[in-house]
Amino acid sequence: MAMKWICPECGRNSERGDAPCPECGAAVEEVDAAPPLWRPLAAVYRAPDEIAAIAVGHVLESAGITPWLRSIQIPWYDSIMKVARGYWGDVLVADEDRDRAVRVVGEFLARVDGV
């Protein structure tokens, strides 16, 4: 099972569990990085490309929400599904985080569009 370490104070991911958070110095906590198979997920953003999906994922992580990126692309087919369906993939969150995640993503996109 994949594990990662997250600072409970600032939410930053850490590479090592035995080191303090490089951002604020607090002790990091180990969390499960993969969603449990039974956990319902909700799509909160349909990403036009991988860069947008990664950016939205980072915004959600900074708000304390764990995102999962689901690409619809087929390896070795050079973005054929992006052409066929018109998008790269989805950003998913746990179903219980959906409303807050939609709000966080909406605020982020409003700021980006306003720039």
PDB file of N, CA and C in Angstrom:
ATOM      1  N   MET A   1       0.845  -1.177   0.000  1.00  0.00           N
ATOM      2  CA  MET A   1       0.000   0.000   0.000  1.00  0.00           C
ATOM      3  C   MET A   1       0.890   1.239   0.000  1.00  0.00           C
ATOM      4  N   ALA A   2       0.582   2.197  -0.849  1.00  0.00           N
ATOM      5  CA  ALA A   2       1.376   3.421  -0.951  1.00  0.00           C
ATOM      6  C   ALA A   2       1.109   4.324   0.255  1.00  0.00           C
ATOM      7  N   MET A   3       2.186   4.827   0.832  1.00  0.00           N
ATOM      8  CA  MET A   3       2.057   5.740   1.966  1.00  0.00           C
ATOM      9  C   MET A   3       2.814   7.021   1.641  1.00  0.00           C
ATOM     10  N   LYS A   4       2.359   8.112   2.220  1.00  0.00           N
ATOM     11  CA  LYS A   4       3.082   9.363   2.103  1.00  0.00           C
ATOM     12  C   LYS A   4       2.979  10.087   3.428  1.00  0.00           C
ATOM     13  N   TRP A   5       3.792  11.107   3.584  1.00  0.00           N
ATOM     14  CA  TRP A   5       3.813  11.862   4.823  1.00  0.00           C
ATOM     15  C   TRP A   5       3.333  13.276   4.550  1.00  0.00           C
ATOM     16  N   ILE A   6       2.466  13.763   5.436  1.00  0.00           N
ATOM     17  CA  ILE A   6       1.892  15.098   5.290  1.00  0.00           C
ATOM     18  C   ILE A   6       2.016  15.835   6.616  1.00  0.00           C
ATOM     19  N   CYS A   7       2.352  17.110   6.528  1.00  0.00           N
ATOM     20  CA  CYS A   7       2.428  17.946   7.720  1.00  0.00           C
ATOM     21  C   CYS A   7       1.012  18.310   8.176  1.00  0.00           C
ATOM     22  N   PRO A   8       0.659  18.062   9.431  1.00  0.00           N
ATOM     23  CA  PRO A   8      -0.677  18.404   9.911  1.00  0.00           C
ATOM     24  C   PRO A   8      -0.880  19.913  10.103  1.00  0.00           C
ATOM     25  N   GLU A   9       0.221  20.664  10.166  1.00  0.00           N
ATOM     26  CA  GLU A   9       0.129  22.105  10.370  1.00  0.00           C
ATOM     27  C   GLU A   9      -0.097  22.873   9.071  1.00  0.00           C
ATOM     28  N   CYS A  10       0.730  22.602   8.053  1.00  0.00           N
ATOM     29  CA  CYS A  10       0.646  23.386   6.818  1.00  0.00           C
ATOM     30  C   CYS A  10       0.160  22.580   5.613  1.00  0.00           C
ATOM     31  N   GLY A  11       0.025  21.239   5.764  1.00  0.00           N
ATOM     32  CA  GLY A  11      -0.484  20.409   4.685  1.00  0.00           C
ATOM     33  C   GLY A  11       0.527  20.036   3.617  1.00  0.00           C
ATOM     34  N   ARG A  12       1.772  20.400   3.788  1.00  0.00           N
ATOM     35  CA  ARG A  12       2.798  20.106   2.775  1.00  0.00           C
ATOM     36  C   ARG A  12       3.180  18.631   2.803  1.00  0.00           C
ATOM     37  N   ASN A  13       3.380  18.057   1.607  1.00  0.00           N
ATOM     38  CA  ASN A  13       3.868  16.681   1.495  1.00  0.00           C
ATOM     39  C   ASN A  13       5.342  16.644   1.845  1.00  0.00           C
ATOM     40  N   SER A  14       5.765  15.554   2.460  1.00  0.00           N
ATOM     41  CA  SER A  14       7.168  15.389   2.825  1.00  0.00           C
ATOM     42  C   SER A  14       7.683  14.103   2.196  1.00  0.00           C
ATOM     43  N   GLU A  15       8.942  14.100   1.813  1.00  0.00           N
ATOM     44  CA  GLU A  15       9.563  12.919   1.222  1.00  0.00           C
ATOM     45  C   GLU A  15       9.914  11.874   2.279  1.00  0.00           C
ATOM     46  N   ARG A  16      10.201  12.327   3.486  1.00  0.00           N
ATOM     47  CA  ARG A  16      10.640  11.411   4.536  1.00  0.00           C
ATOM     48  C   ARG A  16       9.778  11.581   5.773  1.00  0.00           C
ATOM     49  N   GLY A  17       9.458  10.458   6.386  1.00  0.00           N
ATOM     50  CA  GLY A  17       8.642  10.498   7.589  1.00  0.00           C
ATOM     51  C   GLY A  17       9.422  10.773   8.849  1.00  0.00           C
ATOM     52  N   ASP A  18      10.752  10.632   8.811  1.00  0.00           N
ATOM     53  CA  ASP A  18      11.541  10.826  10.017  1.00  0.00           C
ATOM     54  C   ASP A  18      12.071  12.254  10.154  1.00  0.00           C
ATOM     55  N   ALA A  19      11.766  13.114   9.181  1.00  0.00           N
ATOM     56  CA  ALA A  19      12.259  14.493   9.215  1.00  0.00           C
ATOM     57  C   ALA A  19      11.106  15.451   9.523  1.00  0.00           C
ATOM     58  N   PRO A  20      11.399  16.582  10.150  1.00  0.00           N
ATOM     59  CA  PRO A  20      10.339  17.574  10.350  1.00  0.00           C
ATOM     60  C   PRO A  20       9.951  18.215   9.023  1.00  0.00           C
ATOM     61  N   CYS A  21       8.800  18.837   8.987  1.00  0.00           N
ATOM     62  CA  CYS A  21       8.315  19.509   7.787  1.00  0.00           C
ATOM     63  C   CYS A  21       9.310  20.591   7.365  1.00  0.00           C
ATOM     64  N   PRO A  22       9.709  20.602   6.097  1.00  0.00           N
ATOM     65  CA  PRO A  22      10.667  21.615   5.653  1.00  0.00           C
ATOM     66  C   PRO A  22      10.062  23.018   5.615  1.00  0.00           C
ATOM     67  N   GLU A  23       8.744  23.116   5.625  1.00  0.00           N
ATOM     68  CA  GLU A  23       8.067  24.414   5.556  1.00  0.00           C
ATOM     69  C   GLU A  23       7.939  25.057   6.940  1.00  0.00           C
ATOM     70  N   CYS A  24       7.386  24.275   7.912  1.00  0.00           N
ATOM     71  CA  CYS A  24       7.094  24.891   9.214  1.00  0.00           C
ATOM     72  C   CYS A  24       7.785  24.215  10.396  1.00  0.00           C
ATOM     73  N   GLY A  25       8.429  23.048  10.169  1.00  0.00           N
ATOM     74  CA  GLY A  25       9.169  22.380  11.236  1.00  0.00           C
ATOM     75  C   GLY A  25       8.355  21.429  12.095  1.00  0.00           C
ATOM     76  N   ALA A  26       7.058  21.282  11.837  1.00  0.00           N
ATOM     77  CA  ALA A  26       6.223  20.376  12.627  1.00  0.00           C
ATOM     78  C   ALA A  26       6.527  18.928  12.257  1.00  0.00           C
ATOM     79  N   ALA A  27       6.177  18.003  13.133  1.00  0.00           N
ATOM     80  CA  ALA A  27       6.350  16.576  12.846  1.00  0.00           C
ATOM     81  C   ALA A  27       5.325  16.158  11.803  1.00  0.00           C
ATOM     82  N   VAL A  28       5.761  15.391  10.811  1.00  0.00           N
ATOM     83  CA  VAL A  28       4.857  14.953   9.753  1.00  0.00           C
ATOM     84  C   VAL A  28       4.135  13.674  10.168  1.00  0.00           C
ATOM     85  N   GLU A  29       2.972  13.415   9.545  1.00  0.00           N
ATOM     86  CA  GLU A  29       2.174  12.231   9.841  1.00  0.00           C
ATOM     87  C   GLU A  29       2.084  11.360   8.600  1.00  0.00           C
ATOM     88  N   GLU A  30       2.058  10.063   8.802  1.00  0.00           N
ATOM     89  CA  GLU A  30       1.943   9.126   7.695  1.00  0.00           C
ATOM     90  C   GLU A  30       0.465   8.924   7.365  1.00  0.00           C
ATOM     91  N   VAL A  31       0.138   9.010   6.085  1.00  0.00           N
ATOM     92  CA  VAL A  31      -1.242   8.789   5.641  1.00  0.00           C
ATOM     93  C   VAL A  31      -1.225   7.860   4.435  1.00  0.00           C
ATOM     94  N   ASP A  32      -2.358   7.228   4.192  1.00  0.00           N
ATOM     95  CA  ASP A  32      -2.504   6.347   3.044  1.00  0.00           C
ATOM     96  C   ASP A  32      -2.656   7.205   1.798  1.00  0.00           C
ATOM     97  N   ALA A  33      -1.808   6.989   0.792  1.00  0.00           N
ATOM     98  CA  ALA A  33      -1.821   7.807  -0.412  1.00  0.00           C
ATOM     99  C   ALA A  33      -2.810   7.305  -1.446  1.00  0.00           C
ATOM    100  N   ALA A  34      -3.283   6.091  -1.312  1.00  0.00           N
ATOM    101  CA  ALA A  34      -4.213   5.537  -2.298  1.00  0.00           C
ATOM    102  C   ALA A  34      -5.622   5.512  -1.716  1.00  0.00           C
ATOM    103  N   PRO A  35      -6.624   5.765  -2.540  1.00  0.00           N
ATOM    104  CA  PRO A  35      -7.987   5.715  -2.019  1.00  0.00           C
ATOM    105  C   PRO A  35      -8.383   4.274  -1.719  1.00  0.00           C
ATOM    106  N   PRO A  36      -9.068   4.039  -0.608  1.00  0.00           N
ATOM    107  CA  PRO A  36      -9.571   2.684  -0.372  1.00  0.00           C
ATOM    108  C   PRO A  36     -10.516   2.291  -1.504  1.00  0.00           C
ATOM    109  N   LEU A  37     -10.542   1.021  -1.836  1.00  0.00           N
ATOM    110  CA  LEU A  37     -11.354   0.575  -2.957  1.00  0.00           C
ATOM    111  C   LEU A  37     -12.837   0.837  -2.754  1.00  0.00           C
ATOM    112  N   TRP A  38     -13.306   0.873  -1.541  1.00  0.00           N
ATOM    113  CA  TRP A  38     -14.725   1.069  -1.271  1.00  0.00           C
ATOM    114  C   TRP A  38     -15.125   2.536  -1.207  1.00  0.00           C
ATOM    115  N   ARG A  39     -14.172   3.417  -1.204  1.00  0.00           N
ATOM    116  CA  ARG A  39     -14.458   4.842  -1.005  1.00  0.00           C
ATOM    117  C   ARG A  39     -15.034   5.465  -2.276  1.00  0.00           C
ATOM    118  N   PRO A  40     -16.236   6.033  -2.202  1.00  0.00           N
ATOM    119  CA  PRO A  40     -16.797   6.684  -3.398  1.00  0.00           C
ATOM    120  C   PRO A  40     -16.060   7.980  -3.718  1.00  0.00           C
ATOM    121  N   LEU A  41     -15.748   8.160  -5.000  1.00  0.00           N
ATOM    122  CA  LEU A  41     -15.045   9.346  -5.468  1.00  0.00           C
ATOM    123  C   LEU A  41     -15.969  10.167  -6.356  1.00  0.00           C
ATOM    124  N   ALA A  42     -15.718  11.464  -6.403  1.00  0.00           N
ATOM    125  CA  ALA A  42     -16.514  12.376  -7.225  1.00  0.00           C
ATOM    126  C   ALA A  42     -15.586  13.205  -8.098  1.00  0.00           C
ATOM    127  N   ALA A  43     -15.950  13.352  -9.355  1.00  0.00           N
ATOM    128  CA  ALA A  43     -15.183  14.204 -10.270  1.00  0.00           C
ATOM    129  C   ALA A  43     -15.569  15.656  -9.998  1.00  0.00           C
ATOM    130  N   VAL A  44     -14.562  16.500  -9.777  1.00  0.00           N
ATOM    131  CA  VAL A  44     -14.830  17.909  -9.490  1.00  0.00           C
ATOM    132  C   VAL A  44     -14.283  18.844 -10.558  1.00  0.00           C
ATOM    133  N   TYR A  45     -13.497  18.291 -11.487  1.00  0.00           N
ATOM    134  CA  TYR A  45     -12.940  19.128 -12.548  1.00  0.00           C
ATOM    135  C   TYR A  45     -12.608  18.265 -13.747  1.00  0.00           C
ATOM    136  N   ARG A  46     -13.086  18.650 -14.906  1.00  0.00           N
ATOM    137  CA  ARG A  46     -12.750  17.983 -16.164  1.00  0.00           C
ATOM    138  C   ARG A  46     -11.605  18.765 -16.782  1.00  0.00           C
ATOM    139  N   ALA A  47     -10.421  18.166 -16.784  1.00  0.00           N
ATOM    140  CA  ALA A  47      -9.199  18.864 -17.191  1.00  0.00           C
ATOM    141  C   ALA A  47      -8.992  18.813 -18.703  1.00  0.00           C
ATOM    142  N   PRO A  48      -8.705  19.962 -19.315  1.00  0.00           N
ATOM    143  CA  PRO A  48      -8.446  19.978 -20.749  1.00  0.00           C
ATOM    144  C   PRO A  48      -7.093  19.361 -21.100  1.00  0.00           C
ATOM    145  N   ASP A  49      -6.150  19.381 -20.138  1.00  0.00           N
ATOM    146  CA  ASP A  49      -4.833  18.799 -20.365  1.00  0.00           C
ATOM    147  C   ASP A  49      -4.223  18.402 -19.019  1.00  0.00           C
ATOM    148  N   GLU A  50      -3.106  17.701 -19.087  1.00  0.00           N
ATOM    149  CA  GLU A  50      -2.477  17.199 -17.875  1.00  0.00           C
ATOM    150  C   GLU A  50      -1.977  18.324 -16.973  1.00  0.00           C
ATOM    151  N   ILE A  51      -1.470  19.389 -17.550  1.00  0.00           N
ATOM    152  CA  ILE A  51      -0.961  20.522 -16.756  1.00  0.00           C
ATOM    153  C   ILE A  51      -2.083  21.133 -15.915  1.00  0.00           C
ATOM    154  N   ALA A  52      -3.250  21.316 -16.502  1.00  0.00           N
ATOM    155  CA  ALA A  52      -4.387  21.872 -15.755  1.00  0.00           C
ATOM    156  C   ALA A  52      -4.803  20.925 -14.632  1.00  0.00           C
ATOM    157  N   ALA A  53      -4.796  19.619 -14.900  1.00  0.00           N
ATOM    158  CA  ALA A  53      -5.162  18.644 -13.873  1.00  0.00           C
ATOM    159  C   ALA A  53      -4.187  18.697 -12.704  1.00  0.00           C
ATOM    160  N   ILE A  54      -2.904  18.778 -13.008  1.00  0.00           N
ATOM    161  CA  ILE A  54      -1.882  18.849 -11.955  1.00  0.00           C
ATOM    162  C   ILE A  54      -2.031  20.139 -11.154  1.00  0.00           C
ATOM    163  N   ALA A  55      -2.270  21.250 -11.821  1.00  0.00           N
ATOM    164  CA  ALA A  55      -2.433  22.536 -11.125  1.00  0.00           C
ATOM    165  C   ALA A  55      -3.628  22.491 -10.173  1.00  0.00           C
ATOM    166  N   VAL A  56      -4.751  21.992 -10.664  1.00  0.00           N
ATOM    167  CA  VAL A  56      -5.949  21.901  -9.806  1.00  0.00           C
ATOM    168  C   VAL A  56      -5.693  20.924  -8.660  1.00  0.00           C
ATOM    169  N   GLY A  57      -4.982  19.833  -8.938  1.00  0.00           N
ATOM    170  CA  GLY A  57      -4.636  18.897  -7.872  1.00  0.00           C
ATOM    171  C   GLY A  57      -3.813  19.558  -6.778  1.00  0.00           C
ATOM    172  N   HIS A  58      -2.845  20.387  -7.152  1.00  0.00           N
ATOM    173  CA  HIS A  58      -2.029  21.102  -6.158  1.00  0.00           C
ATOM    174  C   HIS A  58      -2.869  22.091  -5.355  1.00  0.00           C
ATOM    175  N   VAL A  59      -3.799  22.763  -6.027  1.00  0.00           N
ATOM    176  CA  VAL A  59      -4.673  23.705  -5.316  1.00  0.00           C
ATOM    177  C   VAL A  59      -5.513  22.957  -4.279  1.00  0.00           C
ATOM    178  N   LEU A  60      -6.055  21.809  -4.666  1.00  0.00           N
ATOM    179  CA  LEU A  60      -6.851  21.018  -3.724  1.00  0.00           C
ATOM    180  C   LEU A  60      -5.991  20.514  -2.568  1.00  0.00           C
ATOM    181  N   GLU A  61      -4.784  20.050  -2.855  1.00  0.00           N
ATOM    182  CA  GLU A  61      -3.894  19.603  -1.782  1.00  0.00           C
ATOM    183  C   GLU A  61      -3.581  20.729  -0.815  1.00  0.00           C
ATOM    184  N   SER A  62      -3.375  21.939  -1.328  1.00  0.00           N
ATOM    185  CA  SER A  62      -3.067  23.065  -0.449  1.00  0.00           C
ATOM    186  C   SER A  62      -4.260  23.433   0.429  1.00  0.00           C
ATOM    187  N   ALA A  63      -5.460  23.028   0.004  1.00  0.00           N
ATOM    188  CA  ALA A  63      -6.658  23.269   0.810  1.00  0.00           C
ATOM    189  C   ALA A  63      -6.957  22.092   1.733  1.00  0.00           C
ATOM    190  N   GLY A  64      -6.073  21.089   1.745  1.00  0.00           N
ATOM    191  CA  GLY A  64      -6.255  19.948   2.631  1.00  0.00           C
ATOM    192  C   GLY A  64      -7.156  18.860   2.070  1.00  0.00           C
ATOM    193  N   ILE A  65      -7.384  18.869   0.769  1.00  0.00           N
ATOM    194  CA  ILE A  65      -8.233  17.873   0.120  1.00  0.00           C
ATOM    195  C   ILE A  65      -7.337  16.989  -0.747  1.00  0.00           C
ATOM    196  N   THR A  66      -7.436  15.682  -0.583  1.00  0.00           N
ATOM    197  CA  THR A  66      -6.620  14.761  -1.372  1.00  0.00           C
ATOM    198  C   THR A  66      -7.252  14.550  -2.743  1.00  0.00           C
ATOM    199  N   PRO A  67      -6.531  14.905  -3.812  1.00  0.00           N
ATOM    200  CA  PRO A  67      -7.055  14.676  -5.161  1.00  0.00           C
ATOM    201  C   PRO A  67      -6.454  13.411  -5.792  1.00  0.00           C
ATOM    202  N   TRP A  68      -7.174  12.859  -6.732  1.00  0.00           N
ATOM    203  CA  TRP A  68      -6.673  11.776  -7.571  1.00  0.00           C
ATOM    204  C   TRP A  68      -6.923  12.191  -9.005  1.00  0.00           C
ATOM    205  N   LEU A  69      -5.933  12.012  -9.864  1.00  0.00           N
ATOM    206  CA  LEU A  69      -6.070  12.364 -11.274  1.00  0.00           C
ATOM    207  C   LEU A  69      -6.386  11.100 -12.061  1.00  0.00           C
ATOM    208  N   ARG A  70      -7.422  11.174 -12.901  1.00  0.00           N
ATOM    209  CA  ARG A  70      -7.809  10.032 -13.731  1.00  0.00           C
ATOM    210  C   ARG A  70      -7.738  10.455 -15.193  1.00  0.00           C
ATOM    211  N   SER A  71      -6.732   9.954 -15.893  1.00  0.00           N
ATOM    212  CA  SER A  71      -6.565  10.255 -17.307  1.00  0.00           C
ATOM    213  C   SER A  71      -7.403   9.298 -18.143  1.00  0.00           C
ATOM    214  N   ILE A  72      -7.964   9.799 -19.245  1.00  0.00           N
ATOM    215  CA  ILE A  72      -8.668   8.927 -20.183  1.00  0.00           C
ATOM    216  C   ILE A  72      -7.789   8.596 -21.387  1.00  0.00           C
ATOM    217  N   GLN A  73      -6.552   9.039 -21.343  1.00  0.00           N
ATOM    218  CA  GLN A  73      -5.648   8.832 -22.473  1.00  0.00           C
ATOM    219  C   GLN A  73      -5.235   7.363 -22.577  1.00  0.00           C
ATOM    220  N   ILE A  74      -4.919   6.941 -23.777  1.00  0.00           N
ATOM    221  CA  ILE A  74      -4.472   5.579 -24.037  1.00  0.00           C
ATOM    222  C   ILE A  74      -2.978   5.653 -24.378  1.00  0.00           C
ATOM    223  N   PRO A  75      -2.126   4.937 -23.622  1.00  0.00           N
ATOM    224  CA  PRO A  75      -0.696   4.974 -23.919  1.00  0.00           C
ATOM    225  C   PRO A  75      -0.409   4.586 -25.369  1.00  0.00           C
ATOM    226  N   TRP A  76       0.545   5.261 -25.956  1.00  0.00           N
ATOM    227  CA  TRP A  76       1.024   5.029 -27.315  1.00  0.00           C
ATOM    228  C   TRP A  76       0.042   5.499 -28.387  1.00  0.00           C
ATOM    229  N   TYR A  77      -1.032   6.167 -28.012  1.00  0.00           N
ATOM    230  CA  TYR A  77      -1.978   6.648 -29.016  1.00  0.00           C
ATOM    231  C   TYR A  77      -1.980   8.173 -29.123  1.00  0.00           C
ATOM    232  N   ASP A  78      -0.966   8.834 -28.590  1.00  0.00           N
ATOM    233  CA  ASP A  78      -0.723  10.256 -28.786  1.00  0.00           C
ATOM    234  C   ASP A  78      -1.963  11.140 -28.660  1.00  0.00           C
ATOM    235  N   SER A  79      -2.607  11.101 -27.518  1.00  0.00           N
ATOM    236  CA  SER A  79      -3.735  11.971 -27.186  1.00  0.00           C
ATOM    237  C   SER A  79      -4.969  11.761 -28.060  1.00  0.00           C
ATOM    238  N   ILE A  80      -5.156  10.577 -28.610  1.00  0.00           N
ATOM    239  CA  ILE A  80      -6.319  10.334 -29.459  1.00  0.00           C
ATOM    240  C   ILE A  80      -7.628  10.505 -28.679  1.00  0.00           C
ATOM    241  N   MET A  81      -7.633  10.138 -27.404  1.00  0.00           N
ATOM    242  CA  MET A  81      -8.859  10.275 -26.615  1.00  0.00           C
ATOM    243  C   MET A  81      -9.157  11.742 -26.298  1.00  0.00           C
ATOM    244  N   LYS A  82      -8.120  12.557 -26.176  1.00  0.00           N
ATOM    245  CA  LYS A  82      -8.339  13.989 -25.971  1.00  0.00           C
ATOM    246  C   LYS A  82      -9.024  14.581 -27.191  1.00  0.00           C
ATOM    247  N   VAL A  83      -8.618  14.150 -28.369  1.00  0.00           N
ATOM    248  CA  VAL A  83      -9.255  14.614 -29.600  1.00  0.00           C
ATOM    249  C   VAL A  83     -10.674  14.067 -29.696  1.00  0.00           C
ATOM    250  N   ALA A  84     -10.853  12.786 -29.355  1.00  0.00           N
ATOM    251  CA  ALA A  84     -12.165  12.147 -29.484  1.00  0.00           C
ATOM    252  C   ALA A  84     -13.179  12.681 -28.478  1.00  0.00           C
ATOM    253  N   ARG A  85     -12.758  12.877 -27.242  1.00  0.00           N
ATOM    254  CA  ARG A  85     -13.698  13.307 -26.197  1.00  0.00           C
ATOM    255  C   ARG A  85     -13.586  14.785 -25.843  1.00  0.00           C
ATOM    256  N   GLY A  86     -12.482  15.416 -26.189  1.00  0.00           N
ATOM    257  CA  GLY A  86     -12.348  16.841 -25.941  1.00  0.00           C
ATOM    258  C   GLY A  86     -11.749  17.233 -24.604  1.00  0.00           C
ATOM    259  N   TYR A  87     -11.240  16.269 -23.841  1.00  0.00           N
ATOM    260  CA  TYR A  87     -10.601  16.593 -22.565  1.00  0.00           C
ATOM    261  C   TYR A  87      -9.566  15.532 -22.231  1.00  0.00           C
ATOM    262  N   TRP A  88      -8.651  15.853 -21.304  1.00  0.00           N
ATOM    263  CA  TRP A  88      -7.571  14.957 -20.921  1.00  0.00           C
ATOM    264  C   TRP A  88      -8.015  13.914 -19.900  1.00  0.00           C
ATOM    265  N   GLY A  89      -8.767  14.375 -18.896  1.00  0.00           N
ATOM    266  CA  GLY A  89      -9.198  13.486 -17.814  1.00  0.00           C
ATOM    267  C   GLY A  89      -9.888  14.271 -16.720  1.00  0.00           C
ATOM    268  N   ASP A  90     -10.055  13.642 -15.568  1.00  0.00           N
ATOM    269  CA  ASP A  90     -10.786  14.251 -14.458  1.00  0.00           C
ATOM    270  C   ASP A  90      -9.926  14.333 -13.202  1.00  0.00           C
ATOM    271  N   VAL A  91     -10.254  15.318 -12.360  1.00  0.00           N
ATOM    272  CA  VAL A  91      -9.695  15.399 -11.014  1.00  0.00           C
ATOM    273  C   VAL A  91     -10.786  14.906 -10.080  1.00  0.00           C
ATOM    274  N   LEU A  92     -10.444  13.910  -9.276  1.00  0.00           N
ATOM    275  CA  LEU A  92     -11.404  13.279  -8.366  1.00  0.00           C
ATOM    276  C   LEU A  92     -11.053  13.595  -6.922  1.00  0.00           C
ATOM    277  N   VAL A  93     -12.079  13.613  -6.075  1.00  0.00           N
ATOM    278  CA  VAL A  93     -11.892  13.753  -4.631  1.00  0.00           C
ATOM    279  C   VAL A  93     -12.840  12.777  -3.951  1.00  0.00           C
ATOM    280  N   ALA A  94     -12.626  12.540  -2.676  1.00  0.00           N
ATOM    281  CA  ALA A  94     -13.559  11.717  -1.911  1.00  0.00           C
ATOM    282  C   ALA A  94     -14.935  12.378  -1.949  1.00  0.00           C
ATOM    283  N   ASP A  95     -15.958  11.564  -2.033  1.00  0.00           N
ATOM    284  CA  ASP A  95     -17.315  12.079  -2.170  1.00  0.00           C
ATOM    285  C   ASP A  95     -17.677  13.066  -1.052  1.00  0.00           C
ATOM    286  N   GLU A  96     -17.193  12.812   0.154  1.00  0.00           N
ATOM    287  CA  GLU A  96     -17.530  13.710   1.271  1.00  0.00           C
ATOM    288  C   GLU A  96     -16.840  15.077   1.151  1.00  0.00           C
ATOM    289  N   ASP A  97     -15.807  15.178   0.317  1.00  0.00           N
ATOM    290  CA  ASP A  97     -15.111  16.453   0.094  1.00  0.00           C
ATOM    291  C   ASP A  97     -15.608  17.194  -1.146  1.00  0.00           C
ATOM    292  N   ARG A  98     -16.581  16.639  -1.859  1.00  0.00           N
ATOM    293  CA  ARG A  98     -16.994  17.185  -3.148  1.00  0.00           C
ATOM    294  C   ARG A  98     -17.421  18.659  -3.078  1.00  0.00           C
ATOM    295  N   ASP A  99     -18.320  19.012  -2.192  1.00  0.00           N
ATOM    296  CA  ASP A  99     -18.825  20.397  -2.157  1.00  0.00           C
ATOM    297  C   ASP A  99     -17.710  21.405  -1.892  1.00  0.00           C
ATOM    298  N   ARG A 100     -16.857  21.095  -0.923  1.00  0.00           N
ATOM    299  CA  ARG A 100     -15.752  22.012  -0.606  1.00  0.00           C
ATOM    300  C   ARG A 100     -14.761  22.071  -1.768  1.00  0.00           C
ATOM    301  N   ALA A 101     -14.500  20.927  -2.403  1.00  0.00           N
ATOM    302  CA  ALA A 101     -13.566  20.890  -3.529  1.00  0.00           C
ATOM    303  C   ALA A 101     -14.089  21.689  -4.718  1.00  0.00           C
ATOM    304  N   VAL A 102     -15.371  21.584  -5.000  1.00  0.00           N
ATOM    305  CA  VAL A 102     -15.967  22.354  -6.102  1.00  0.00           C
ATOM    306  C   VAL A 102     -15.805  23.841  -5.833  1.00  0.00           C
ATOM    307  N   ARG A 103     -16.003  24.253  -4.593  1.00  0.00           N
ATOM    308  CA  ARG A 103     -15.847  25.664  -4.225  1.00  0.00           C
ATOM    309  C   ARG A 103     -14.394  26.113  -4.383  1.00  0.00           C
ATOM    310  N   VAL A 104     -13.450  25.297  -3.902  1.00  0.00           N
ATOM    311  CA  VAL A 104     -12.024  25.632  -3.998  1.00  0.00           C
ATOM    312  C   VAL A 104     -11.590  25.731  -5.466  1.00  0.00           C
ATOM    313  N   VAL A 105     -12.012  24.769  -6.288  1.00  0.00           N
ATOM    314  CA  VAL A 105     -11.658  24.786  -7.708  1.00  0.00           C
ATOM    315  C   VAL A 105     -12.289  25.993  -8.397  1.00  0.00           C
ATOM    316  N   GLY A 106     -13.542  26.292  -8.084  1.00  0.00           N
ATOM    317  CA  GLY A 106     -14.213  27.452  -8.677  1.00  0.00           C
ATOM    318  C   GLY A 106     -13.513  28.757  -8.343  1.00  0.00           C
ATOM    319  N   GLU A 107     -13.094  28.911  -7.084  1.00  0.00           N
ATOM    320  CA  GLU A 107     -12.383  30.127  -6.678  1.00  0.00           C
ATOM    321  C   GLU A 107     -11.039  30.229  -7.398  1.00  0.00           C
ATOM    322  N   PHE A 108     -10.342  29.102  -7.525  1.00  0.00           N
ATOM    323  CA  PHE A 108      -9.056  29.086  -8.234  1.00  0.00           C
ATOM    324  C   PHE A 108      -9.243  29.478  -9.703  1.00  0.00           C
ATOM    325  N   LEU A 109     -10.210  28.862 -10.371  1.00  0.00           N
ATOM    326  CA  LEU A 109     -10.423  29.167 -11.785  1.00  0.00           C
ATOM    327  C   LEU A 109     -10.863  30.607 -11.993  1.00  0.00           C
ATOM    328  N   ALA A 110     -11.636  31.164 -11.058  1.00  0.00           N
ATOM    329  CA  ALA A 110     -12.047  32.568 -11.166  1.00  0.00           C
ATOM    330  C   ALA A 110     -10.830  33.488 -11.070  1.00  0.00           C
ATOM    331  N   ARG A 111      -9.896  33.151 -10.184  1.00  0.00           N
ATOM    332  CA  ARG A 111      -8.667  33.955 -10.060  1.00  0.00           C
ATOM    333  C   ARG A 111      -7.820  33.833 -11.309  1.00  0.00           C
ATOM    334  N   VAL A 112      -7.714  32.634 -11.873  1.00  0.00           N
ATOM    335  CA  VAL A 112      -6.906  32.424 -13.078  1.00  0.00           C
ATOM    336  C   VAL A 112      -7.526  33.168 -14.263  1.00  0.00           C
ATOM    337  N   ASP A 113      -8.850  33.097 -14.401  1.00  0.00           N
ATOM    338  CA  ASP A 113      -9.528  33.779 -15.504  1.00  0.00           C
ATOM    339  C   ASP A 113      -9.431  35.300 -15.380  1.00  0.00           C
ATOM    340  N   GLY A 114      -9.318  35.786 -14.135  1.00  0.00           N
ATOM    341  CA  GLY A 114      -9.246  37.231 -13.900  1.00  0.00           C
ATOM    342  C   GLY A 114      -7.874  37.812 -14.124  1.00  0.00           C
ATOM    343  N   VAL A 115      -6.870  36.976 -14.315  1.00  0.00           N
ATOM    344  CA  VAL A 115      -5.493  37.464 -14.477  1.00  0.00           C
ATOM    345  C   VAL A 115      -5.267  38.010 -15.856  1.00  0.00           C
TER     346      VAL A 115
END
